[in-house]
N, C-alpha and C. Protein backbone atom coordinates (compact mmCIF):
# COMPACT_ATOMS: atom_id res chain seq x y z
N MET A 1 12.91 15.29 -20.24
CA MET A 1 12.07 14.79 -18.81
C MET A 1 10.78 15.50 -18.81
N ASN A 2 11.47 17.28 -18.97
CA ASN A 2 9.58 17.24 -19.21
C ASN A 2 8.63 16.98 -19.25
N ASP A 3 8.86 16.58 -20.74
CA ASP A 3 7.28 16.06 -21.16
C ASP A 3 6.74 15.08 -20.81
N ILE A 4 7.35 14.25 -20.15
CA ILE A 4 7.09 12.90 -18.81
C ILE A 4 6.79 13.86 -17.87
N SER A 5 7.85 14.71 -16.81
CA SER A 5 6.90 14.58 -16.14
C SER A 5 5.42 15.38 -15.81
N THR A 6 4.80 16.26 -16.79
CA THR A 6 3.91 16.71 -17.05
C THR A 6 2.39 15.35 -17.92
N ALA A 7 3.34 14.28 -18.21
CA ALA A 7 2.58 13.70 -18.25
C ALA A 7 1.67 12.84 -17.54
N LEU A 8 2.64 12.73 -16.48
CA LEU A 8 1.62 11.78 -15.24
C LEU A 8 0.76 13.00 -14.35
N ASP A 9 0.17 12.64 -14.12
CA ASP A 9 -1.05 13.16 -13.37
C ASP A 9 -0.69 14.35 -12.29
N GLU A 10 -1.45 15.66 -12.19
CA GLU A 10 -0.71 16.24 -11.40
C GLU A 10 -0.78 16.17 -9.99
N ASN A 11 -1.27 15.67 -8.90
CA ASN A 11 -0.99 14.80 -8.10
C ASN A 11 -0.03 13.84 -7.85
N LEU A 12 0.86 13.10 -8.94
CA LEU A 12 2.02 12.33 -8.90
C LEU A 12 3.33 12.53 -9.89
N GLN A 13 3.22 14.20 -10.25
CA GLN A 13 4.06 14.92 -11.27
C GLN A 13 5.12 14.98 -9.77
N PRO A 14 6.99 14.68 -9.99
CA PRO A 14 7.71 15.86 -9.41
C PRO A 14 7.47 16.30 -8.19
N PRO A 15 8.69 16.69 -7.57
CA PRO A 15 8.66 18.47 -7.32
C PRO A 15 8.68 18.77 -8.21
N MET A 16 8.17 20.25 -8.91
CA MET A 16 8.49 21.43 -9.58
C MET A 16 8.80 22.48 -9.27
N ALA A 17 9.68 23.54 -9.33
CA ALA A 17 9.60 24.74 -9.75
C ALA A 17 10.08 25.56 -10.76
N ASN A 18 9.23 26.43 -11.26
CA ASN A 18 9.59 26.51 -12.72
C ASN A 18 9.37 26.21 -13.72
N GLY A 19 8.97 25.06 -13.43
CA GLY A 19 9.14 23.81 -14.99
C GLY A 19 9.48 23.07 -14.80
N GLU A 20 10.44 23.21 -13.81
CA GLU A 20 11.71 22.49 -13.70
C GLU A 20 11.98 21.45 -12.68
N VAL A 21 12.52 20.28 -12.76
CA VAL A 21 12.00 19.12 -11.42
C VAL A 21 12.78 19.55 -10.63
N LEU A 22 12.52 18.79 -9.55
CA LEU A 22 13.66 19.78 -8.19
C LEU A 22 14.63 18.11 -7.57
N PHE A 23 15.04 18.26 -7.62
CA PHE A 23 15.73 17.01 -6.49
C PHE A 23 16.35 18.16 -5.54
N GLU A 24 16.94 16.91 -4.54
CA GLU A 24 17.23 17.51 -3.06
C GLU A 24 18.40 16.10 -3.26
N GLN A 25 18.07 15.13 -3.71
CA GLN A 25 19.44 14.15 -3.47
C GLN A 25 19.74 13.87 -4.70
N PRO A 26 21.12 13.43 -5.06
CA PRO A 26 21.70 13.26 -5.72
C PRO A 26 21.22 12.03 -6.76
N TRP A 27 21.12 11.43 -5.75
CA TRP A 27 19.91 10.32 -6.07
C TRP A 27 18.71 10.05 -6.93
N GLN A 28 18.05 11.38 -6.42
CA GLN A 28 16.62 10.89 -6.46
C GLN A 28 16.48 11.55 -8.26
N SER A 29 17.84 12.32 -8.81
CA SER A 29 17.88 12.91 -10.08
C SER A 29 18.10 11.83 -10.83
N ARG A 30 19.07 10.64 -10.19
CA ARG A 30 19.53 9.23 -11.18
C ARG A 30 18.14 8.37 -11.07
N VAL A 31 17.26 8.15 -10.48
CA VAL A 31 16.27 6.68 -10.44
C VAL A 31 15.25 7.62 -11.48
N PHE A 32 15.25 9.14 -11.76
CA PHE A 32 14.16 9.87 -12.08
C PHE A 32 14.93 9.19 -14.01
N GLY A 33 16.39 10.04 -13.64
CA GLY A 33 16.72 9.25 -15.24
C GLY A 33 16.85 7.86 -15.86
N MET A 34 16.29 7.53 -14.72
CA MET A 34 16.44 6.45 -15.09
C MET A 34 15.05 5.65 -15.52
N ALA A 35 14.21 6.07 -14.79
CA ALA A 35 12.82 5.50 -15.24
C ALA A 35 12.79 6.22 -16.54
N VAL A 36 12.80 7.73 -16.76
CA VAL A 36 12.87 7.74 -17.86
C VAL A 36 13.88 7.11 -19.12
N ALA A 37 15.45 7.23 -19.11
CA ALA A 37 15.55 6.29 -19.99
C ALA A 37 15.19 5.05 -20.38
N LEU A 38 14.96 3.96 -19.40
CA LEU A 38 14.22 2.74 -19.56
C LEU A 38 12.91 2.90 -20.30
N HIS A 39 12.62 4.34 -19.95
CA HIS A 39 11.67 4.16 -20.45
C HIS A 39 11.40 4.58 -22.45
N GLU A 40 12.54 4.99 -22.63
CA GLU A 40 12.68 5.38 -23.78
C GLU A 40 13.20 4.37 -24.41
N ALA A 41 14.10 3.56 -23.52
CA ALA A 41 14.53 2.65 -24.41
C ALA A 41 13.50 1.22 -23.96
N GLY A 42 11.92 2.04 -24.51
CA GLY A 42 11.21 0.32 -24.59
C GLY A 42 11.25 -0.79 -23.49
N LEU A 43 11.59 -0.66 -22.72
CA LEU A 43 11.06 -1.42 -22.16
C LEU A 43 10.16 -1.66 -21.17
N PHE A 44 9.22 -0.58 -20.90
CA PHE A 44 7.60 0.15 -20.28
C PHE A 44 7.25 1.12 -21.01
N GLU A 45 5.86 1.06 -20.74
CA GLU A 45 4.88 2.32 -21.42
C GLU A 45 5.28 3.55 -20.14
N TRP A 46 5.29 3.90 -20.42
CA TRP A 46 4.97 5.41 -19.46
C TRP A 46 3.26 5.71 -18.42
N SER A 47 3.03 4.81 -19.06
CA SER A 47 1.60 4.36 -18.52
C SER A 47 1.47 2.73 -17.08
N GLU A 48 2.27 2.56 -17.87
CA GLU A 48 2.65 1.21 -16.94
C GLU A 48 3.69 1.26 -15.95
N PHE A 49 3.94 2.92 -16.11
CA PHE A 49 5.18 3.43 -15.16
C PHE A 49 3.98 4.14 -14.18
N GLN A 50 3.58 4.92 -14.52
CA GLN A 50 2.54 6.12 -14.08
C GLN A 50 0.72 5.01 -12.90
N ALA A 51 0.96 3.49 -13.50
CA ALA A 51 -0.26 2.96 -12.61
C ALA A 51 0.86 2.62 -11.43
N SER A 52 2.22 1.49 -11.87
CA SER A 52 2.84 1.04 -10.74
C SER A 52 3.21 2.90 -9.78
N LEU A 53 2.63 3.91 -9.52
CA LEU A 53 3.68 5.13 -8.96
C LEU A 53 1.97 5.45 -7.90
N ILE A 54 0.92 5.14 -9.27
CA ILE A 54 -0.64 5.02 -8.72
C ILE A 54 -0.64 4.18 -6.99
N ARG A 55 -0.53 3.53 -8.25
CA ARG A 55 -0.50 1.80 -7.22
C ARG A 55 0.30 2.23 -5.20
N VAL A 56 1.92 2.25 -5.61
CA VAL A 56 2.55 2.49 -4.07
C VAL A 56 2.12 3.94 -3.94
N ILE A 57 1.55 5.18 -4.08
CA ILE A 57 1.21 5.84 -3.49
C ILE A 57 -0.49 5.73 -2.70
N GLY A 58 -0.54 5.06 -3.43
CA GLY A 58 -2.13 4.91 -2.94
C GLY A 58 -2.35 4.02 -1.54
N GLN A 59 -1.11 2.30 -1.71
CA GLN A 59 -1.07 2.22 -0.60
C GLN A 59 -0.38 3.07 0.11
N TRP A 60 0.79 3.84 0.38
CA TRP A 60 1.20 4.23 1.48
C TRP A 60 -0.24 5.44 1.65
N ASP A 61 -0.17 5.88 1.46
CA ASP A 61 -1.65 6.63 1.86
C ASP A 61 -2.73 6.04 2.18
N ARG A 62 -3.27 4.52 2.26
CA ARG A 62 -4.00 4.31 3.06
C ARG A 62 -3.57 3.80 4.06
N SER A 63 -1.84 3.24 4.88
CA SER A 63 -1.55 3.40 5.74
C SER A 63 -0.95 4.65 6.82
N ALA A 64 -0.29 5.62 6.20
CA ALA A 64 0.25 6.33 6.17
C ALA A 64 -0.56 6.71 7.76
N GLU A 65 0.29 7.46 8.60
CA GLU A 65 -0.27 8.45 10.07
C GLU A 65 -0.18 9.81 9.38
N ASP A 66 -0.71 10.65 9.90
CA ASP A 66 -0.96 11.52 9.80
C ASP A 66 0.42 12.09 9.75
N THR A 67 1.45 12.43 10.84
CA THR A 67 2.20 12.22 10.89
C THR A 67 3.66 11.96 9.63
N ASP A 68 3.10 10.72 8.85
CA ASP A 68 4.39 10.06 8.90
C ASP A 68 4.65 11.41 7.17
N PRO A 69 5.71 11.49 6.63
CA PRO A 69 5.95 12.42 6.08
C PRO A 69 6.17 11.71 4.44
N TYR A 70 5.17 12.69 3.25
CA TYR A 70 5.14 11.99 2.49
C TYR A 70 7.32 12.82 1.65
N HIS A 71 7.53 11.25 1.45
CA HIS A 71 9.09 12.47 0.28
C HIS A 71 8.83 10.76 -0.93
N TYR A 72 8.44 12.11 -2.35
CA TYR A 72 7.82 11.09 -3.85
C TYR A 72 8.76 10.53 -3.44
N TYR A 73 10.36 10.78 -4.28
CA TYR A 73 11.26 10.11 -4.88
C TYR A 73 11.41 8.35 -4.26
N ASP A 74 10.98 8.34 -2.87
CA ASP A 74 10.37 7.43 -2.10
C ASP A 74 9.44 6.26 -2.85
N HIS A 75 9.14 6.85 -2.73
CA HIS A 75 7.79 6.17 -3.98
C HIS A 75 7.80 6.47 -5.51
N PHE A 76 8.54 7.22 -5.70
CA PHE A 76 9.24 6.69 -7.32
C PHE A 76 9.57 5.55 -7.44
N GLN A 77 11.36 6.03 -6.72
CA GLN A 77 11.91 4.31 -6.68
C GLN A 77 11.52 3.10 -6.13
N GLN A 78 10.66 3.26 -5.63
CA GLN A 78 9.86 1.64 -5.20
C GLN A 78 8.52 1.18 -6.35
N ALA A 79 8.07 2.79 -6.76
CA ALA A 79 7.21 2.02 -8.18
C ALA A 79 8.27 1.34 -9.44
N LEU A 80 9.38 2.36 -9.71
CA LEU A 80 9.93 2.18 -10.88
C LEU A 80 10.72 -0.11 -10.26
N ASN A 81 11.48 -0.28 -8.91
CA ASN A 81 11.50 -1.02 -8.27
C ASN A 81 10.39 -2.20 -9.02
N ASP A 82 8.89 -2.09 -8.01
CA ASP A 82 8.45 -3.28 -8.71
C ASP A 82 7.86 -3.04 -9.65
N LEU A 83 7.73 -2.41 -10.92
CA LEU A 83 7.74 -2.28 -12.50
C LEU A 83 8.37 -3.16 -13.06
N LEU A 84 10.00 -2.77 -12.17
CA LEU A 84 11.17 -3.71 -13.59
C LEU A 84 10.94 -4.81 -12.92
N ALA A 85 10.85 -5.54 -11.20
CA ALA A 85 10.64 -6.55 -10.86
C ALA A 85 9.44 -7.35 -11.55
N ALA A 86 8.23 -6.09 -11.78
CA ALA A 86 6.44 -7.45 -12.76
C ALA A 86 6.43 -7.50 -13.45
N LYS A 87 8.25 -7.01 -14.91
CA LYS A 87 8.44 -6.93 -16.55
C LYS A 87 9.41 -7.85 -16.05
N GLY A 88 10.07 -8.68 -14.84
CA GLY A 88 10.79 -9.46 -14.96
C GLY A 88 12.85 -9.04 -15.76
N LEU A 89 12.43 -7.92 -15.62
CA LEU A 89 14.15 -6.92 -15.51
C LEU A 89 14.70 -7.42 -14.82
N VAL A 90 14.65 -7.63 -13.69
CA VAL A 90 15.55 -7.36 -12.41
C VAL A 90 14.70 -8.33 -11.29
N SER A 91 15.50 -8.99 -10.45
CA SER A 91 14.69 -9.17 -9.44
C SER A 91 14.42 -8.13 -8.51
N GLU A 92 13.56 -8.75 -7.81
CA GLU A 92 13.48 -8.28 -6.26
C GLU A 92 15.18 -8.31 -5.29
N ALA A 93 15.32 -9.75 -5.62
CA ALA A 93 16.74 -10.25 -4.61
C ALA A 93 17.94 -8.97 -5.32
N ARG A 94 18.25 -9.03 -6.66
CA ARG A 94 18.81 -8.20 -7.59
C ARG A 94 19.42 -7.01 -6.68
N LEU A 95 18.16 -6.53 -7.13
CA LEU A 95 17.67 -5.13 -6.52
C LEU A 95 18.36 -4.72 -4.99
N ARG A 96 17.23 -5.03 -4.34
CA ARG A 96 17.92 -4.94 -2.54
C ARG A 96 19.45 -5.26 -2.41
N GLU A 97 20.24 -7.04 -3.13
CA GLU A 97 21.64 -6.49 -3.32
C GLU A 97 22.45 -5.18 -3.30
N ARG A 98 21.32 -4.53 -5.06
CA ARG A 98 22.86 -3.52 -5.11
C ARG A 98 22.52 -2.77 -4.02
N GLU A 99 21.10 -2.25 -3.54
CA GLU A 99 20.77 -0.80 -3.00
C GLU A 99 21.59 -1.66 -1.49
N ALA A 100 22.39 -2.27 -1.17
CA ALA A 100 23.02 -3.36 0.16
C ALA A 100 24.33 -2.70 0.19
N GLN A 101 24.20 -2.25 -1.05
CA GLN A 101 26.41 -2.04 -1.59
C GLN A 101 26.37 -0.74 -1.98
N TYR A 102 25.44 -0.14 -2.49
CA TYR A 102 25.07 1.13 -2.33
C TYR A 102 25.34 2.09 -0.80
N ALA A 103 24.61 1.39 0.00
CA ALA A 103 24.25 1.97 1.39
C ALA A 103 25.85 1.79 2.22
N GLU A 104 26.44 0.75 1.90
CA GLU A 104 27.61 0.38 2.42
C GLU A 104 28.35 1.19 1.64
N ARG A 105 28.36 2.70 1.13
CA ARG A 105 29.86 3.19 0.62
C ARG A 105 30.01 4.17 1.46
N LEU A 106 31.31 4.38 0.97
CA LEU A 106 31.17 5.53 2.19
C LEU A 106 30.93 6.59 1.99
N HIS A 107 30.69 7.72 3.50
CA HIS A 107 29.37 9.56 2.82
C HIS A 107 30.20 9.66 1.79
N GLY A 108 29.36 10.30 0.65
CA GLY A 108 29.68 11.05 0.26
C GLY A 108 30.85 10.38 -1.21
N HIS A 109 30.64 9.53 -0.92
CA HIS A 109 31.30 8.85 -1.94
C HIS A 109 29.73 8.33 -2.86
N ASP A 110 28.90 9.40 -4.03
CA ASP A 110 27.33 9.67 -4.27
C ASP A 110 27.81 8.69 -5.46
N HIS A 111 28.45 7.73 -5.94
CA HIS A 111 28.41 7.67 -7.73
C HIS A 111 28.74 6.29 -7.54
């Protein structure tokens, strides 16, 4: 994973400490791992994901207020969702359906 995280432009790299990617929540490590696994399976080039991430962060940056918090993994997840939908690998409706299913789970049931 470290090779991929360092392949991102410095401003697009995930939160890191001592060369290791940092995650505050379990879902963050999962979405990062999914992106890496899908890339390694040949479903998209890492440069395609980078372009999607740049676009998502750019959109947020242009519309965000000074007080809006920056949440890297929210942008990371949106970039992955957008890329998968654009490539026809999963529909936006299916992604929203799965997100709703996970959101309905009891607190503490994170898998």
